[in-house]
Amino acid sequence: MKRYDLRALKDNFYDRMIELIENDLAPEEVGIFIFEIGDFSSVQKSADIIKQNGHELLNSLKFNEVDWTIMAKRKKD
């Protein structure tokens, strides 16, 4: 399990998140991603992007007033 802080990317974290899942996580490994939420659309969009790329969203939680955390598992190769 690895943790990634994507807050510095603001609303432009989607490509980086998928890149990390596919290149930094081993098959079946879980990654924890923290990012800033604005209008909450990024929460649904991140879930959709994970699913579209064949990975599994395990959890999605509000971390604090401005941040959100999701857990995703990389698909099997």
PDB file of N, CA and C in Angstrom:
ATOM      1  N   MET A   1       0.844  -1.167   0.000  1.00  0.00           N
ATOM      2  CA  MET A   1       0.000   0.000   0.000  1.00  0.00           C
ATOM      3  C   MET A   1       0.893   1.235   0.000  1.00  0.00           C
ATOM      4  N   LYS A   2       0.547   2.166  -0.882  1.00  0.00           N
ATOM      5  CA  LYS A   2       1.304   3.407  -0.985  1.00  0.00           C
ATOM      6  C   LYS A   2       0.343   4.588  -0.900  1.00  0.00           C
ATOM      7  N   ARG A   3       0.857   5.697  -0.385  1.00  0.00           N
ATOM      8  CA  ARG A   3       0.052   6.916  -0.223  1.00  0.00           C
ATOM      9  C   ARG A   3       0.619   8.004  -1.123  1.00  0.00           C
ATOM     10  N   TYR A   4      -0.289   8.739  -1.778  1.00  0.00           N
ATOM     11  CA  TYR A   4       0.102   9.800  -2.694  1.00  0.00           C
ATOM     12  C   TYR A   4      -0.675  11.075  -2.370  1.00  0.00           C
ATOM     13  N   ASP A   5       0.040  12.176  -2.264  1.00  0.00           N
ATOM     14  CA  ASP A   5      -0.572  13.475  -1.995  1.00  0.00           C
ATOM     15  C   ASP A   5      -0.624  14.255  -3.309  1.00  0.00           C
ATOM     16  N   LEU A   6      -1.821  14.412  -3.850  1.00  0.00           N
ATOM     17  CA  LEU A   6      -2.014  15.087  -5.128  1.00  0.00           C
ATOM     18  C   LEU A   6      -2.629  16.474  -4.956  1.00  0.00           C
ATOM     19  N   ARG A   7      -2.655  16.986  -3.733  1.00  0.00           N
ATOM     20  CA  ARG A   7      -3.287  18.276  -3.474  1.00  0.00           C
ATOM     21  C   ARG A   7      -2.643  19.426  -4.229  1.00  0.00           C
ATOM     22  N   ALA A   8      -1.362  19.372  -4.463  1.00  0.00           N
ATOM     23  CA  ALA A   8      -0.670  20.470  -5.159  1.00  0.00           C
ATOM     24  C   ALA A   8      -1.142  20.614  -6.609  1.00  0.00           C
ATOM     25  N   LEU A   9      -1.709  19.549  -7.156  1.00  0.00           N
ATOM     26  CA  LEU A   9      -2.176  19.573  -8.544  1.00  0.00           C
ATOM     27  C   LEU A   9      -3.556  20.195  -8.704  1.00  0.00           C
ATOM     28  N   LYS A  10      -4.193  20.540  -7.582  1.00  0.00           N
ATOM     29  CA  LYS A  10      -5.560  21.111  -7.584  1.00  0.00           C
ATOM     30  C   LYS A  10      -6.486  20.174  -8.360  1.00  0.00           C
ATOM     31  N   ASP A  11      -7.175  20.681  -9.384  1.00  0.00           N
ATOM     32  CA  ASP A  11      -8.150  19.877 -10.127  1.00  0.00           C
ATOM     33  C   ASP A  11      -7.531  19.180 -11.337  1.00  0.00           C
ATOM     34  N   ASN A  12      -6.228  19.145 -11.427  1.00  0.00           N
ATOM     35  CA  ASN A  12      -5.547  18.526 -12.568  1.00  0.00           C
ATOM     36  C   ASN A  12      -4.792  17.266 -12.148  1.00  0.00           C
ATOM     37  N   PHE A  13      -5.367  16.484 -11.266  1.00  0.00           N
ATOM     38  CA  PHE A  13      -4.672  15.317 -10.712  1.00  0.00           C
ATOM     39  C   PHE A  13      -5.035  14.001 -11.383  1.00  0.00           C
ATOM     40  N   TYR A  14      -6.030  13.974 -12.242  1.00  0.00           N
ATOM     41  CA  TYR A  14      -6.567  12.719 -12.770  1.00  0.00           C
ATOM     42  C   TYR A  14      -5.527  11.914 -13.555  1.00  0.00           C
ATOM     43  N   ASP A  15      -4.845  12.556 -14.492  1.00  0.00           N
ATOM     44  CA  ASP A  15      -3.837  11.847 -15.290  1.00  0.00           C
ATOM     45  C   ASP A  15      -2.712  11.327 -14.402  1.00  0.00           C
ATOM     46  N   ARG A  16      -2.296  12.148 -13.445  1.00  0.00           N
ATOM     47  CA  ARG A  16      -1.206  11.740 -12.543  1.00  0.00           C
ATOM     48  C   ARG A  16      -1.636  10.552 -11.683  1.00  0.00           C
ATOM     49  N   MET A  17      -2.885  10.566 -11.224  1.00  0.00           N
ATOM     50  CA  MET A  17      -3.390   9.477 -10.401  1.00  0.00           C
ATOM     51  C   MET A  17      -3.354   8.157 -11.175  1.00  0.00           C
ATOM     52  N   ILE A  18      -3.833   8.167 -12.414  1.00  0.00           N
ATOM     53  CA  ILE A  18      -3.829   6.947 -13.225  1.00  0.00           C
ATOM     54  C   ILE A  18      -2.397   6.529 -13.541  1.00  0.00           C
ATOM     55  N   GLU A  19      -1.532   7.492 -13.818  1.00  0.00           N
ATOM     56  CA  GLU A  19      -0.118   7.182 -14.067  1.00  0.00           C
ATOM     57  C   GLU A  19       0.503   6.480 -12.862  1.00  0.00           C
ATOM     58  N   LEU A  20       0.221   6.964 -11.668  1.00  0.00           N
ATOM     59  CA  LEU A  20       0.758   6.338 -10.458  1.00  0.00           C
ATOM     60  C   LEU A  20       0.188   4.936 -10.248  1.00  0.00           C
ATOM     61  N   ILE A  21      -1.101   4.778 -10.472  1.00  0.00           N
ATOM     62  CA  ILE A  21      -1.712   3.456 -10.316  1.00  0.00           C
ATOM     63  C   ILE A  21      -1.054   2.459 -11.265  1.00  0.00           C
ATOM     64  N   GLU A  22      -0.882   2.862 -12.512  1.00  0.00           N
ATOM     65  CA  GLU A  22      -0.403   1.928 -13.525  1.00  0.00           C
ATOM     66  C   GLU A  22       1.114   1.730 -13.538  1.00  0.00           C
ATOM     67  N   ASN A  23       1.865   2.702 -13.026  1.00  0.00           N
ATOM     68  CA  ASN A  23       3.324   2.603 -13.110  1.00  0.00           C
ATOM     69  C   ASN A  23       4.021   2.463 -11.768  1.00  0.00           C
ATOM     70  N   ASP A  24       3.356   2.804 -10.685  1.00  0.00           N
ATOM     71  CA  ASP A  24       4.020   2.769  -9.383  1.00  0.00           C
ATOM     72  C   ASP A  24       3.457   1.691  -8.452  1.00  0.00           C
ATOM     73  N   LEU A  25       2.271   1.227  -8.740  1.00  0.00           N
ATOM     74  CA  LEU A  25       1.673   0.165  -7.932  1.00  0.00           C
ATOM     75  C   LEU A  25       1.848  -1.185  -8.628  1.00  0.00           C
ATOM     76  N   ALA A  26       2.083  -2.191  -7.843  1.00  0.00           N
ATOM     77  CA  ALA A  26       2.133  -3.553  -8.371  1.00  0.00           C
ATOM     78  C   ALA A  26       0.698  -4.024  -8.642  1.00  0.00           C
ATOM     79  N   PRO A  27       0.512  -5.013  -9.528  1.00  0.00           N
ATOM     80  CA  PRO A  27      -0.833  -5.555  -9.731  1.00  0.00           C
ATOM     81  C   PRO A  27      -1.451  -5.975  -8.395  1.00  0.00           C
ATOM     82  N   GLU A  28      -2.705  -5.597  -8.204  1.00  0.00           N
ATOM     83  CA  GLU A  28      -3.469  -5.897  -6.989  1.00  0.00           C
ATOM     84  C   GLU A  28      -3.046  -5.053  -5.778  1.00  0.00           C
ATOM     85  N   GLU A  29      -2.083  -4.152  -5.937  1.00  0.00           N
ATOM     86  CA  GLU A  29      -1.668  -3.293  -4.825  1.00  0.00           C
ATOM     87  C   GLU A  29      -2.632  -2.114  -4.710  1.00  0.00           C
ATOM     88  N   VAL A  30      -2.785  -1.628  -3.481  1.00  0.00           N
ATOM     89  CA  VAL A  30      -3.702  -0.530  -3.181  1.00  0.00           C
ATOM     90  C   VAL A  30      -2.926   0.772  -3.029  1.00  0.00           C
ATOM     91  N   GLY A  31      -3.490   1.830  -3.581  1.00  0.00           N
ATOM     92  CA  GLY A  31      -2.939   3.167  -3.418  1.00  0.00           C
ATOM     93  C   GLY A  31      -3.949   4.063  -2.734  1.00  0.00           C
ATOM     94  N   ILE A  32      -3.464   4.941  -1.890  1.00  0.00           N
ATOM     95  CA  ILE A  32      -4.307   5.928  -1.217  1.00  0.00           C
ATOM     96  C   ILE A  32      -3.957   7.284  -1.816  1.00  0.00           C
ATOM     97  N   PHE A  33      -4.950   7.970  -2.322  1.00  0.00           N
ATOM     98  CA  PHE A  33      -4.744   9.254  -2.990  1.00  0.00           C
ATOM     99  C   PHE A  33      -5.519  10.344  -2.251  1.00  0.00           C
ATOM    100  N   ILE A  34      -4.821  11.435  -1.942  1.00  0.00           N
ATOM    101  CA  ILE A  34      -5.473  12.572  -1.308  1.00  0.00           C
ATOM    102  C   ILE A  34      -5.444  13.735  -2.292  1.00  0.00           C
ATOM    103  N   PHE A  35      -6.590  14.396  -2.448  1.00  0.00           N
ATOM    104  CA  PHE A  35      -6.684  15.518  -3.368  1.00  0.00           C
ATOM    105  C   PHE A  35      -7.658  16.547  -2.820  1.00  0.00           C
ATOM    106  N   GLU A  36      -7.576  17.764  -3.349  1.00  0.00           N
ATOM    107  CA  GLU A  36      -8.468  18.839  -2.925  1.00  0.00           C
ATOM    108  C   GLU A  36      -9.805  18.698  -3.636  1.00  0.00           C
ATOM    109  N   ILE A  37     -10.861  18.920  -2.884  1.00  0.00           N
ATOM    110  CA  ILE A  37     -12.185  18.956  -3.493  1.00  0.00           C
ATOM    111  C   ILE A  37     -12.597  20.410  -3.629  1.00  0.00           C
ATOM    112  N   GLY A  38     -13.245  20.712  -4.696  1.00  0.00           N
ATOM    113  CA  GLY A  38     -13.777  22.057  -4.888  1.00  0.00           C
ATOM    114  C   GLY A  38     -15.284  21.976  -4.766  1.00  0.00           C
ATOM    115  N   ASP A  39     -15.920  21.679  -5.876  1.00  0.00           N
ATOM    116  CA  ASP A  39     -17.378  21.571  -5.906  1.00  0.00           C
ATOM    117  C   ASP A  39     -17.853  20.124  -5.849  1.00  0.00           C
ATOM    118  N   PHE A  40     -17.015  19.231  -5.443  1.00  0.00           N
ATOM    119  CA  PHE A  40     -17.294  17.795  -5.309  1.00  0.00           C
ATOM    120  C   PHE A  40     -17.369  17.052  -6.633  1.00  0.00           C
ATOM    121  N   SER A  41     -17.310  17.751  -7.759  1.00  0.00           N
ATOM    122  CA  SER A  41     -17.342  17.039  -9.040  1.00  0.00           C
ATOM    123  C   SER A  41     -16.094  16.178  -9.215  1.00  0.00           C
ATOM    124  N   SER A  42     -14.991  16.574  -8.593  1.00  0.00           N
ATOM    125  CA  SER A  42     -13.750  15.803  -8.710  1.00  0.00           C
ATOM    126  C   SER A  42     -13.864  14.433  -8.043  1.00  0.00           C
ATOM    127  N   VAL A  43     -14.746  14.318  -7.058  1.00  0.00           N
ATOM    128  CA  VAL A  43     -14.943  13.037  -6.379  1.00  0.00           C
ATOM    129  C   VAL A  43     -15.548  12.021  -7.355  1.00  0.00           C
ATOM    130  N   GLN A  44     -16.620  12.381  -8.012  1.00  0.00           N
ATOM    131  CA  GLN A  44     -17.256  11.474  -8.970  1.00  0.00           C
ATOM    132  C   GLN A  44     -16.368  11.244 -10.177  1.00  0.00           C
ATOM    133  N   LYS A  45     -15.722  12.290 -10.660  1.00  0.00           N
ATOM    134  CA  LYS A  45     -14.858  12.157 -11.836  1.00  0.00           C
ATOM    135  C   LYS A  45     -13.698  11.207 -11.557  1.00  0.00           C
ATOM    136  N   SER A  46     -13.103  11.297 -10.376  1.00  0.00           N
ATOM    137  CA  SER A  46     -11.993  10.394 -10.049  1.00  0.00           C
ATOM    138  C   SER A  46     -12.476   8.947  -9.984  1.00  0.00           C
ATOM    139  N   ALA A  47     -13.647   8.720  -9.418  1.00  0.00           N
ATOM    140  CA  ALA A  47     -14.210   7.366  -9.364  1.00  0.00           C
ATOM    141  C   ALA A  47     -14.467   6.834 -10.769  1.00  0.00           C
ATOM    142  N   ASP A  48     -15.005   7.682 -11.635  1.00  0.00           N
ATOM    143  CA  ASP A  48     -15.283   7.278 -13.014  1.00  0.00           C
ATOM    144  C   ASP A  48     -14.004   6.939 -13.767  1.00  0.00           C
ATOM    145  N   ILE A  49     -12.975   7.754 -13.593  1.00  0.00           N
ATOM    146  CA  ILE A  49     -11.708   7.535 -14.293  1.00  0.00           C
ATOM    147  C   ILE A  49     -11.044   6.243 -13.833  1.00  0.00           C
ATOM    148  N   ILE A  50     -11.102   5.966 -12.547  1.00  0.00           N
ATOM    149  CA  ILE A  50     -10.534   4.716 -12.035  1.00  0.00           C
ATOM    150  C   ILE A  50     -11.245   3.524 -12.671  1.00  0.00           C
ATOM    151  N   LYS A  51     -12.560   3.563 -12.712  1.00  0.00           N
ATOM    152  CA  LYS A  51     -13.339   2.465 -13.295  1.00  0.00           C
ATOM    153  C   LYS A  51     -13.083   2.337 -14.799  1.00  0.00           C
ATOM    154  N   GLN A  52     -13.028   3.470 -15.509  1.00  0.00           N
ATOM    155  CA  GLN A  52     -12.796   3.453 -16.957  1.00  0.00           C
ATOM    156  C   GLN A  52     -11.451   2.824 -17.313  1.00  0.00           C
ATOM    157  N   ASN A  53     -10.497   2.925 -16.422  1.00  0.00           N
ATOM    158  CA  ASN A  53      -9.176   2.358 -16.664  1.00  0.00           C
ATOM    159  C   ASN A  53      -9.045   0.932 -16.144  1.00  0.00           C
ATOM    160  N   GLY A  54     -10.147   0.352 -15.658  1.00  0.00           N
ATOM    161  CA  GLY A  54     -10.169  -1.045 -15.265  1.00  0.00           C
ATOM    162  C   GLY A  54      -9.698  -1.328 -13.853  1.00  0.00           C
ATOM    163  N   HIS A  55      -9.502  -0.282 -13.058  1.00  0.00           N
ATOM    164  CA  HIS A  55      -9.052  -0.467 -11.689  1.00  0.00           C
ATOM    165  C   HIS A  55     -10.268  -0.454 -10.751  1.00  0.00           C
ATOM    166  N   GLU A  56     -10.038  -0.766  -9.488  1.00  0.00           N
ATOM    167  CA  GLU A  56     -11.141  -0.887  -8.528  1.00  0.00           C
ATOM    168  C   GLU A  56     -11.068   0.207  -7.469  1.00  0.00           C
ATOM    169  N   LEU A  57     -12.156   0.937  -7.319  1.00  0.00           N
ATOM    170  CA  LEU A  57     -12.263   1.935  -6.251  1.00  0.00           C
ATOM    171  C   LEU A  57     -12.715   1.205  -4.991  1.00  0.00           C
ATOM    172  N   LEU A  58     -11.925   1.309  -3.933  1.00  0.00           N
ATOM    173  CA  LEU A  58     -12.237   0.600  -2.699  1.00  0.00           C
ATOM    174  C   LEU A  58     -12.950   1.477  -1.670  1.00  0.00           C
ATOM    175  N   ASN A  59     -12.577   2.761  -1.633  1.00  0.00           N
ATOM    176  CA  ASN A  59     -13.132   3.640  -0.609  1.00  0.00           C
ATOM    177  C   ASN A  59     -13.001   5.073  -1.066  1.00  0.00           C
ATOM    178  N   SER A  60     -13.892   5.921  -0.572  1.00  0.00           N
ATOM    179  CA  SER A  60     -13.889   7.334  -0.895  1.00  0.00           C
ATOM    180  C   SER A  60     -14.389   8.079   0.340  1.00  0.00           C
ATOM    181  N   LEU A  61     -13.512   8.887   0.933  1.00  0.00           N
ATOM    182  CA  LEU A  61     -13.834   9.538   2.205  1.00  0.00           C
ATOM    183  C   LEU A  61     -13.430  10.998   2.224  1.00  0.00           C
ATOM    184  N   LYS A  62     -14.230  11.797   2.891  1.00  0.00           N
ATOM    185  CA  LYS A  62     -13.839  13.183   3.141  1.00  0.00           C
ATOM    186  C   LYS A  62     -12.769  13.158   4.223  1.00  0.00           C
ATOM    187  N   PHE A  63     -11.610  13.751   3.935  1.00  0.00           N
ATOM    188  CA  PHE A  63     -10.468  13.722   4.853  1.00  0.00           C
ATOM    189  C   PHE A  63     -10.543  14.867   5.860  1.00  0.00           C
ATOM    190  N   ASN A  64     -10.857  16.038   5.380  1.00  0.00           N
ATOM    191  CA  ASN A  64     -11.056  17.213   6.223  1.00  0.00           C
ATOM    192  C   ASN A  64     -11.939  18.183   5.448  1.00  0.00           C
ATOM    193  N   GLU A  65     -11.938  19.449   5.799  1.00  0.00           N
ATOM    194  CA  GLU A  65     -12.844  20.400   5.154  1.00  0.00           C
ATOM    195  C   GLU A  65     -12.588  20.607   3.663  1.00  0.00           C
ATOM    196  N   VAL A  66     -11.358  20.440   3.208  1.00  0.00           N
ATOM    197  CA  VAL A  66     -11.049  20.719   1.806  1.00  0.00           C
ATOM    198  C   VAL A  66     -10.434  19.542   1.048  1.00  0.00           C
ATOM    199  N   ASP A  67     -10.156  18.459   1.717  1.00  0.00           N
ATOM    200  CA  ASP A  67      -9.464  17.337   1.074  1.00  0.00           C
ATOM    201  C   ASP A  67     -10.315  16.071   1.077  1.00  0.00           C
ATOM    202  N   TRP A  68     -10.055  15.242   0.083  1.00  0.00           N
ATOM    203  CA  TRP A  68     -10.755  13.966  -0.083  1.00  0.00           C
ATOM    204  C   TRP A  68      -9.717  12.869  -0.255  1.00  0.00           C
ATOM    205  N   THR A  69     -10.011  11.689   0.239  1.00  0.00           N
ATOM    206  CA  THR A  69      -9.115  10.543   0.117  1.00  0.00           C
ATOM    207  C   THR A  69      -9.849   9.402  -0.565  1.00  0.00           C
ATOM    208  N   ILE A  70      -9.195   8.795  -1.536  1.00  0.00           N
ATOM    209  CA  ILE A  70      -9.752   7.594  -2.155  1.00  0.00           C
ATOM    210  C   ILE A  70      -8.702   6.487  -2.104  1.00  0.00           C
ATOM    211  N   MET A  71      -9.198   5.271  -2.041  1.00  0.00           N
ATOM    212  CA  MET A  71      -8.347   4.086  -2.097  1.00  0.00           C
ATOM    213  C   MET A  71      -8.716   3.335  -3.367  1.00  0.00           C
ATOM    214  N   ALA A  72      -7.687   3.010  -4.145  1.00  0.00           N
ATOM    215  CA  ALA A  72      -7.927   2.293  -5.398  1.00  0.00           C
ATOM    216  C   ALA A  72      -6.940   1.134  -5.497  1.00  0.00           C
ATOM    217  N   LYS A  73      -7.423   0.039  -6.087  1.00  0.00           N
ATOM    218  CA  LYS A  73      -6.564  -1.129  -6.294  1.00  0.00           C
ATOM    219  C   LYS A  73      -6.284  -1.273  -7.785  1.00  0.00           C
ATOM    220  N   ARG A  74      -5.009  -1.478  -8.080  1.00  0.00           N
ATOM    221  CA  ARG A  74      -4.617  -1.693  -9.479  1.00  0.00           C
ATOM    222  C   ARG A  74      -5.151  -3.036  -9.949  1.00  0.00           C
ATOM    223  N   LYS A  75      -5.579  -3.057 -11.205  1.00  0.00           N
ATOM    224  CA  LYS A  75      -6.092  -4.300 -11.787  1.00  0.00           C
ATOM    225  C   LYS A  75      -4.978  -5.325 -11.941  1.00  0.00           C
ATOM    226  N   LYS A  76      -5.385  -6.562 -12.096  1.00  0.00           N
ATOM    227  CA  LYS A  76      -4.430  -7.630 -12.395  1.00  0.00           C
ATOM    228  C   LYS A  76      -3.883  -7.394 -13.785  1.00  0.00           C
ATOM    229  N   ASP A  77      -2.635  -7.755 -13.985  1.00  0.00           N
ATOM    230  CA  ASP A  77      -2.049  -7.636 -15.337  1.00  0.00           C
ATOM    231  C   ASP A  77      -2.453  -8.799 -16.201  1.00  0.00           C
TER     232      ASP A  77
END
